[in-house]
Amino acid sequence: MAPSVTRRQPECHSGRKHKAKGLCQDCYFAAYRAAHLGEKAAHNAARTPEFRAWMHARTRTTNPNYVGWRYYGERGIRMCQLWLSSFQAFLDELGPKPGPEYSLDRIDNERGYEPGNCRWATPMQQAANRRPRSTAVSVAA
């Protein structure tokens, strides 16, 4: 019979114990930011609306469990490899948001999140740049 081994659970920066399978959400994102940005930049960038827009776009295109996956990943909408691996490359291309009312927009909705196809857009620009909706055809009896 093999001796039993006690596994030590990782301890959270706040003193909480992590689940055996992984990190708490705060620690996961902190580790993710550190890996992609470096410690100091990661701490500061995570609080920016640009970082949140990048993370949400990344999630929409890579996570099949995301609620809107069928509108993005399932349709083949992807984020370019450079932006997937670097928030800084994303920020260098788009620059900071011009104001709080702006959000990330794909100019051509059939293409992905890539240089030359993304911009910060106002709600009015976003509304004018929608995919056509399919209309249900009713059959008269």
N, C-alpha and C. Protein backbone atom coordinates (compact mmCIF):
# COMPACT_ATOMS: atom_id res chain seq x y z
N MET A 1 0.83 -1.17 0.00
CA MET A 1 0.00 0.00 0.00
C MET A 1 0.89 1.25 0.00
N ALA A 2 0.58 2.19 -0.91
CA ALA A 2 1.38 3.40 -1.03
C ALA A 2 1.05 4.35 0.10
N PRO A 3 2.08 5.07 0.59
CA PRO A 3 1.81 6.03 1.66
C PRO A 3 0.94 7.18 1.14
N SER A 4 0.07 7.67 2.00
CA SER A 4 -0.78 8.78 1.58
C SER A 4 0.03 10.08 1.61
N VAL A 5 -0.24 10.92 0.64
CA VAL A 5 0.46 12.19 0.54
C VAL A 5 -0.55 13.31 0.78
N THR A 6 -0.21 14.20 1.66
CA THR A 6 -1.07 15.34 1.91
C THR A 6 -0.65 16.47 0.99
N ARG A 7 -1.59 16.92 0.16
CA ARG A 7 -1.29 18.02 -0.74
C ARG A 7 -1.59 19.33 -0.04
N ARG A 8 -0.66 20.23 -0.13
CA ARG A 8 -0.84 21.55 0.45
C ARG A 8 -1.61 22.42 -0.53
N GLN A 9 -2.71 23.01 -0.08
CA GLN A 9 -3.47 23.90 -0.94
C GLN A 9 -2.73 25.23 -1.07
N PRO A 10 -2.74 25.81 -2.27
CA PRO A 10 -2.12 27.12 -2.41
C PRO A 10 -2.84 28.14 -1.54
N GLU A 11 -2.09 29.06 -1.01
CA GLU A 11 -2.71 30.08 -0.17
C GLU A 11 -2.85 31.37 -0.95
N CYS A 12 -3.98 31.99 -0.82
CA CYS A 12 -4.31 33.21 -1.52
C CYS A 12 -3.58 34.39 -0.89
N HIS A 13 -3.38 35.44 -1.67
CA HIS A 13 -2.75 36.65 -1.15
C HIS A 13 -3.54 37.25 0.01
N SER A 14 -4.83 36.92 0.07
CA SER A 14 -5.66 37.46 1.15
C SER A 14 -5.71 36.49 2.34
N GLY A 15 -4.98 35.38 2.23
CA GLY A 15 -4.98 34.41 3.32
C GLY A 15 -5.99 33.30 3.16
N ARG A 16 -6.86 33.40 2.13
CA ARG A 16 -7.84 32.34 1.89
C ARG A 16 -7.15 31.13 1.29
N LYS A 17 -7.73 29.99 1.49
CA LYS A 17 -7.22 28.77 0.86
C LYS A 17 -7.90 28.61 -0.49
N HIS A 18 -7.12 28.23 -1.48
CA HIS A 18 -7.70 27.98 -2.79
C HIS A 18 -8.31 26.60 -2.84
N LYS A 19 -9.19 26.41 -3.79
CA LYS A 19 -9.73 25.09 -4.03
C LYS A 19 -8.58 24.22 -4.53
N ALA A 20 -8.70 22.94 -4.37
CA ALA A 20 -7.65 22.03 -4.80
C ALA A 20 -7.41 22.14 -6.31
N LYS A 21 -8.45 22.47 -7.08
CA LYS A 21 -8.33 22.50 -8.54
C LYS A 21 -7.74 23.78 -9.10
N GLY A 22 -7.69 24.86 -8.35
CA GLY A 22 -7.17 26.07 -8.95
C GLY A 22 -7.21 27.27 -8.05
N LEU A 23 -7.04 28.42 -8.66
CA LEU A 23 -6.95 29.68 -7.95
C LEU A 23 -8.32 30.34 -7.84
N CYS A 24 -8.45 31.22 -6.85
CA CYS A 24 -9.67 32.03 -6.79
C CYS A 24 -9.63 32.99 -7.98
N GLN A 25 -10.73 33.60 -8.31
CA GLN A 25 -10.80 34.45 -9.49
C GLN A 25 -9.82 35.62 -9.39
N ASP A 26 -9.70 36.24 -8.23
CA ASP A 26 -8.76 37.35 -8.07
C ASP A 26 -7.33 36.92 -8.35
N CYS A 27 -6.93 35.79 -7.81
CA CYS A 27 -5.57 35.32 -8.01
C CYS A 27 -5.33 34.87 -9.45
N TYR A 28 -6.35 34.26 -10.04
CA TYR A 28 -6.22 33.83 -11.44
C TYR A 28 -5.94 35.04 -12.33
N PHE A 29 -6.74 36.10 -12.19
CA PHE A 29 -6.55 37.27 -13.04
C PHE A 29 -5.24 37.99 -12.70
N ALA A 30 -4.86 38.00 -11.44
CA ALA A 30 -3.59 38.62 -11.07
C ALA A 30 -2.43 37.86 -11.72
N ALA A 31 -2.48 36.55 -11.70
CA ALA A 31 -1.43 35.74 -12.33
C ALA A 31 -1.44 35.93 -13.84
N TYR A 32 -2.62 35.99 -14.40
CA TYR A 32 -2.76 36.18 -15.85
C TYR A 32 -2.16 37.52 -16.27
N ARG A 33 -2.53 38.58 -15.55
CA ARG A 33 -2.02 39.91 -15.88
C ARG A 33 -0.51 39.95 -15.73
N ALA A 34 0.01 39.36 -14.68
CA ALA A 34 1.45 39.36 -14.45
C ALA A 34 2.17 38.64 -15.58
N ALA A 35 1.62 37.54 -16.05
CA ALA A 35 2.25 36.78 -17.13
C ALA A 35 2.25 37.55 -18.44
N HIS A 36 1.21 38.34 -18.67
CA HIS A 36 1.10 39.05 -19.95
C HIS A 36 1.61 40.48 -19.92
N LEU A 37 1.76 41.06 -18.77
CA LEU A 37 2.13 42.47 -18.71
C LEU A 37 3.35 42.77 -17.86
N GLY A 38 3.74 41.88 -16.99
CA GLY A 38 4.77 42.20 -16.01
C GLY A 38 4.07 42.68 -14.74
N GLU A 39 4.68 42.48 -13.59
CA GLU A 39 4.02 42.74 -12.31
C GLU A 39 3.46 44.15 -12.16
N LYS A 40 4.27 45.18 -12.30
CA LYS A 40 3.82 46.54 -12.03
C LYS A 40 2.78 46.98 -13.06
N ALA A 41 3.06 46.75 -14.33
CA ALA A 41 2.12 47.15 -15.38
C ALA A 41 0.80 46.39 -15.22
N ALA A 42 0.88 45.13 -14.83
CA ALA A 42 -0.32 44.32 -14.68
C ALA A 42 -1.22 44.91 -13.61
N HIS A 43 -0.63 45.30 -12.51
CA HIS A 43 -1.41 45.85 -11.41
C HIS A 43 -2.17 47.11 -11.85
N ASN A 44 -1.48 47.98 -12.57
CA ASN A 44 -2.10 49.24 -13.00
C ASN A 44 -3.07 49.04 -14.17
N ALA A 45 -2.71 48.23 -15.15
CA ALA A 45 -3.54 48.06 -16.34
C ALA A 45 -4.87 47.39 -16.04
N ALA A 46 -4.89 46.50 -15.07
CA ALA A 46 -6.11 45.75 -14.77
C ALA A 46 -7.25 46.64 -14.35
N ARG A 47 -6.95 47.82 -13.93
CA ARG A 47 -7.99 48.74 -13.46
C ARG A 47 -8.52 49.62 -14.59
N THR A 48 -7.99 49.47 -15.78
CA THR A 48 -8.37 50.36 -16.88
C THR A 48 -9.53 49.79 -17.69
N PRO A 49 -10.35 50.66 -18.28
CA PRO A 49 -11.42 50.18 -19.14
C PRO A 49 -10.88 49.51 -20.40
N GLU A 50 -9.70 49.91 -20.85
CA GLU A 50 -9.08 49.28 -22.02
C GLU A 50 -8.76 47.82 -21.74
N PHE A 51 -8.24 47.54 -20.54
CA PHE A 51 -7.91 46.16 -20.19
C PHE A 51 -9.18 45.32 -20.11
N ARG A 52 -10.22 45.89 -19.52
CA ARG A 52 -11.48 45.14 -19.42
C ARG A 52 -12.05 44.86 -20.81
N ALA A 53 -11.97 45.82 -21.72
CA ALA A 53 -12.47 45.61 -23.09
C ALA A 53 -11.67 44.50 -23.76
N TRP A 54 -10.35 44.49 -23.56
CA TRP A 54 -9.48 43.46 -24.14
C TRP A 54 -9.84 42.08 -23.56
N MET A 55 -10.01 42.01 -22.25
CA MET A 55 -10.33 40.73 -21.61
C MET A 55 -11.69 40.20 -22.09
N HIS A 56 -12.68 41.09 -22.20
CA HIS A 56 -14.00 40.65 -22.65
C HIS A 56 -13.97 40.18 -24.09
N ALA A 57 -13.26 40.90 -24.96
CA ALA A 57 -13.15 40.48 -26.36
C ALA A 57 -12.43 39.14 -26.44
N ARG A 58 -11.40 38.99 -25.65
CA ARG A 58 -10.63 37.74 -25.62
C ARG A 58 -11.52 36.58 -25.16
N THR A 59 -12.32 36.81 -24.15
CA THR A 59 -13.21 35.78 -23.64
C THR A 59 -14.28 35.41 -24.66
N ARG A 60 -14.86 36.42 -25.31
CA ARG A 60 -15.90 36.17 -26.32
C ARG A 60 -15.40 35.27 -27.44
N THR A 61 -14.10 35.36 -27.75
CA THR A 61 -13.56 34.63 -28.89
C THR A 61 -12.86 33.33 -28.53
N THR A 62 -12.65 33.08 -27.26
CA THR A 62 -11.89 31.89 -26.87
C THR A 62 -12.61 30.94 -25.92
N ASN A 63 -13.68 31.38 -25.28
CA ASN A 63 -14.33 30.57 -24.25
C ASN A 63 -15.70 30.07 -24.70
N PRO A 64 -15.82 28.79 -25.05
CA PRO A 64 -17.12 28.25 -25.48
C PRO A 64 -18.19 28.31 -24.39
N ASN A 65 -17.81 28.52 -23.14
CA ASN A 65 -18.79 28.63 -22.06
C ASN A 65 -19.31 30.05 -21.88
N TYR A 66 -18.75 30.99 -22.62
CA TYR A 66 -19.20 32.38 -22.55
C TYR A 66 -20.63 32.47 -23.08
N VAL A 67 -21.47 33.26 -22.42
CA VAL A 67 -22.89 33.34 -22.76
C VAL A 67 -23.11 33.79 -24.21
N GLY A 68 -22.25 34.63 -24.77
CA GLY A 68 -22.43 35.10 -26.14
C GLY A 68 -21.57 34.38 -27.16
N TRP A 69 -21.05 33.20 -26.79
CA TRP A 69 -20.15 32.45 -27.67
C TRP A 69 -20.73 32.27 -29.07
N ARG A 70 -22.01 32.00 -29.18
CA ARG A 70 -22.60 31.73 -30.50
C ARG A 70 -22.52 32.94 -31.42
N TYR A 71 -22.41 34.13 -30.87
CA TYR A 71 -22.32 35.34 -31.68
C TYR A 71 -20.87 35.68 -32.06
N TYR A 72 -19.92 35.03 -31.44
CA TYR A 72 -18.51 35.35 -31.67
C TYR A 72 -17.74 34.10 -32.07
N GLY A 73 -17.26 33.35 -31.10
CA GLY A 73 -16.42 32.19 -31.37
C GLY A 73 -17.06 31.17 -32.29
N GLU A 74 -18.33 30.90 -32.08
CA GLU A 74 -19.02 29.90 -32.91
C GLU A 74 -19.14 30.37 -34.36
N ARG A 75 -19.20 31.68 -34.57
CA ARG A 75 -19.27 32.24 -35.92
C ARG A 75 -17.90 32.37 -36.57
N GLY A 76 -16.85 32.01 -35.84
CA GLY A 76 -15.50 32.10 -36.38
C GLY A 76 -14.81 33.42 -36.10
N ILE A 77 -15.42 34.26 -35.26
CA ILE A 77 -14.79 35.53 -34.90
C ILE A 77 -13.66 35.21 -33.91
N ARG A 78 -12.46 35.63 -34.24
CA ARG A 78 -11.28 35.35 -33.41
C ARG A 78 -10.55 36.65 -33.10
N MET A 79 -9.64 36.56 -32.16
CA MET A 79 -8.73 37.65 -31.88
C MET A 79 -7.38 37.25 -32.46
N CYS A 80 -6.70 38.20 -33.10
CA CYS A 80 -5.41 37.87 -33.72
C CYS A 80 -4.44 37.37 -32.64
N GLN A 81 -3.50 36.56 -33.06
CA GLN A 81 -2.56 35.93 -32.13
C GLN A 81 -1.76 36.95 -31.33
N LEU A 82 -1.36 38.03 -31.98
CA LEU A 82 -0.59 39.05 -31.29
C LEU A 82 -1.38 39.65 -30.13
N TRP A 83 -2.65 39.99 -30.38
CA TRP A 83 -3.48 40.57 -29.32
C TRP A 83 -3.84 39.55 -28.27
N LEU A 84 -4.01 38.29 -28.67
CA LEU A 84 -4.32 37.25 -27.68
C LEU A 84 -3.23 37.17 -26.62
N SER A 85 -2.01 37.33 -27.06
CA SER A 85 -0.89 37.14 -26.14
C SER A 85 -0.39 38.44 -25.53
N SER A 86 -0.90 39.60 -25.99
CA SER A 86 -0.34 40.85 -25.47
C SER A 86 -1.38 41.97 -25.39
N PHE A 87 -1.74 42.32 -24.18
CA PHE A 87 -2.60 43.49 -23.99
C PHE A 87 -1.89 44.73 -24.49
N GLN A 88 -0.60 44.81 -24.28
CA GLN A 88 0.16 46.00 -24.68
C GLN A 88 0.09 46.22 -26.19
N ALA A 89 0.14 45.14 -26.99
CA ALA A 89 0.02 45.26 -28.44
C ALA A 89 -1.37 45.79 -28.82
N PHE A 90 -2.39 45.31 -28.13
CA PHE A 90 -3.77 45.78 -28.34
C PHE A 90 -3.85 47.28 -28.03
N LEU A 91 -3.31 47.69 -26.91
CA LEU A 91 -3.35 49.08 -26.49
C LEU A 91 -2.52 49.96 -27.42
N ASP A 92 -1.38 49.47 -27.87
CA ASP A 92 -0.54 50.23 -28.80
C ASP A 92 -1.29 50.51 -30.10
N GLU A 93 -2.09 49.56 -30.55
CA GLU A 93 -2.83 49.71 -31.81
C GLU A 93 -4.01 50.69 -31.66
N LEU A 94 -4.80 50.53 -30.59
CA LEU A 94 -6.02 51.33 -30.44
C LEU A 94 -5.84 52.60 -29.62
N GLY A 95 -4.87 52.62 -28.75
CA GLY A 95 -4.70 53.76 -27.86
C GLY A 95 -5.76 53.74 -26.77
N PRO A 96 -5.73 54.73 -25.89
CA PRO A 96 -6.72 54.78 -24.81
C PRO A 96 -8.10 55.13 -25.34
N LYS A 97 -9.12 54.75 -24.59
CA LYS A 97 -10.50 55.12 -24.95
C LYS A 97 -10.61 56.64 -24.91
N PRO A 98 -11.25 57.23 -25.93
CA PRO A 98 -11.40 58.69 -25.95
C PRO A 98 -12.31 59.22 -24.83
N GLY A 99 -13.20 58.39 -24.33
CA GLY A 99 -14.10 58.82 -23.26
C GLY A 99 -14.87 57.63 -22.73
N PRO A 100 -15.58 57.81 -21.63
CA PRO A 100 -16.28 56.68 -21.00
C PRO A 100 -17.42 56.11 -21.84
N GLU A 101 -17.96 56.90 -22.77
CA GLU A 101 -19.08 56.40 -23.58
C GLU A 101 -18.62 55.53 -24.75
N TYR A 102 -17.33 55.45 -24.99
CA TYR A 102 -16.81 54.66 -26.11
C TYR A 102 -16.65 53.19 -25.70
N SER A 103 -16.79 52.31 -26.69
CA SER A 103 -16.56 50.88 -26.45
C SER A 103 -15.87 50.28 -27.67
N LEU A 104 -15.37 49.08 -27.50
CA LEU A 104 -14.64 48.40 -28.56
C LEU A 104 -15.61 47.97 -29.66
N ASP A 105 -15.25 48.25 -30.90
CA ASP A 105 -16.10 47.96 -32.05
C ASP A 105 -15.27 47.33 -33.16
N ARG A 106 -15.83 46.32 -33.82
CA ARG A 106 -15.21 45.76 -35.02
C ARG A 106 -15.82 46.47 -36.22
N ILE A 107 -15.01 47.05 -37.08
CA ILE A 107 -15.49 47.81 -38.23
C ILE A 107 -16.22 46.89 -39.20
N ASP A 108 -15.59 45.75 -39.53
CA ASP A 108 -16.23 44.74 -40.37
C ASP A 108 -16.65 43.61 -39.44
N ASN A 109 -17.95 43.43 -39.25
CA ASN A 109 -18.44 42.45 -38.28
C ASN A 109 -18.22 41.00 -38.69
N GLU A 110 -17.79 40.76 -39.90
CA GLU A 110 -17.48 39.40 -40.33
C GLU A 110 -16.03 39.04 -40.06
N ARG A 111 -15.22 40.01 -39.71
CA ARG A 111 -13.81 39.78 -39.38
C ARG A 111 -13.63 39.83 -37.86
N GLY A 112 -12.47 39.40 -37.42
CA GLY A 112 -12.22 39.31 -35.99
C GLY A 112 -11.63 40.57 -35.39
N TYR A 113 -11.17 40.42 -34.15
CA TYR A 113 -10.50 41.48 -33.44
C TYR A 113 -9.05 41.46 -33.89
N GLU A 114 -8.69 42.39 -34.74
CA GLU A 114 -7.36 42.42 -35.35
C GLU A 114 -7.01 43.86 -35.70
N PRO A 115 -5.72 44.15 -35.86
CA PRO A 115 -5.31 45.51 -36.24
C PRO A 115 -5.99 45.92 -37.54
N GLY A 116 -6.46 47.15 -37.57
CA GLY A 116 -7.13 47.67 -38.75
C GLY A 116 -8.62 47.40 -38.80
N ASN A 117 -9.13 46.54 -37.93
CA ASN A 117 -10.55 46.23 -37.93
C ASN A 117 -11.24 46.63 -36.63
N CYS A 118 -10.54 47.27 -35.73
CA CYS A 118 -11.14 47.64 -34.44
C CYS A 118 -10.96 49.13 -34.19
N ARG A 119 -11.87 49.67 -33.41
CA ARG A 119 -11.83 51.08 -33.05
C ARG A 119 -12.60 51.27 -31.76
N TRP A 120 -12.42 52.44 -31.15
CA TRP A 120 -13.27 52.86 -30.04
C TRP A 120 -14.43 53.60 -30.68
N ALA A 121 -15.66 53.19 -30.43
CA ALA A 121 -16.83 53.77 -31.07
C ALA A 121 -17.86 54.23 -30.06
N THR A 122 -18.62 55.23 -30.47
CA THR A 122 -19.72 55.74 -29.64
C THR A 122 -20.91 54.79 -29.78
N PRO A 123 -21.89 54.89 -28.89
CA PRO A 123 -23.08 54.05 -29.03
C PRO A 123 -23.78 54.25 -30.38
N MET A 124 -23.77 55.48 -30.90
CA MET A 124 -24.41 55.74 -32.19
C MET A 124 -23.65 55.02 -33.32
N GLN A 125 -22.32 55.07 -33.28
CA GLN A 125 -21.52 54.35 -34.28
C GLN A 125 -21.76 52.85 -34.18
N GLN A 126 -21.82 52.35 -32.96
CA GLN A 126 -22.06 50.92 -32.74
C GLN A 126 -23.42 50.52 -33.32
N ALA A 127 -24.44 51.32 -33.08
CA ALA A 127 -25.79 51.00 -33.56
C ALA A 127 -25.85 50.99 -35.08
N ALA A 128 -25.07 51.86 -35.72
CA ALA A 128 -25.06 51.93 -37.19
C ALA A 128 -24.23 50.80 -37.80
N ASN A 129 -23.46 50.11 -36.98
CA ASN A 129 -22.54 49.09 -37.49
C ASN A 129 -22.95 47.69 -37.04
N ARG A 130 -24.23 47.39 -37.10
CA ARG A 130 -24.73 46.08 -36.66
C ARG A 130 -24.88 45.15 -37.84
N ARG A 131 -24.82 43.87 -37.56
CA ARG A 131 -25.14 42.87 -38.59
C ARG A 131 -26.63 42.95 -38.87
N PRO A 132 -27.02 42.68 -40.11
CA PRO A 132 -28.46 42.65 -40.38
C PRO A 132 -29.12 41.52 -39.58
N ARG A 133 -30.26 41.79 -39.06
CA ARG A 133 -30.98 40.74 -38.31
C ARG A 133 -31.81 39.93 -39.28
N SER A 134 -31.86 38.64 -39.03
CA SER A 134 -32.73 37.83 -39.88
C SER A 134 -34.15 38.01 -39.40
N THR A 135 -35.07 38.06 -40.32
CA THR A 135 -36.47 38.24 -39.94
C THR A 135 -37.22 36.93 -40.17
N ALA A 136 -38.04 36.61 -39.25
CA ALA A 136 -38.83 35.38 -39.37
C ALA A 136 -39.95 35.62 -40.37
N VAL A 137 -40.16 34.66 -41.23
CA VAL A 137 -41.22 34.76 -42.22
C VAL A 137 -42.40 33.96 -41.72
N SER A 138 -43.54 34.61 -41.61
CA SER A 138 -44.72 33.88 -41.14
C SER A 138 -45.45 33.31 -42.36
N VAL A 139 -45.97 32.14 -42.20
CA VAL A 139 -46.67 31.47 -43.27
C VAL A 139 -48.16 31.59 -43.00
N ALA A 140 -48.88 32.18 -43.95
CA ALA A 140 -50.33 32.35 -43.80
C ALA A 140 -51.02 31.02 -44.09
N ALA A 141 -52.01 30.68 -43.31
CA ALA A 141 -52.71 29.41 -43.48
C ALA A 141 -53.77 29.48 -44.54
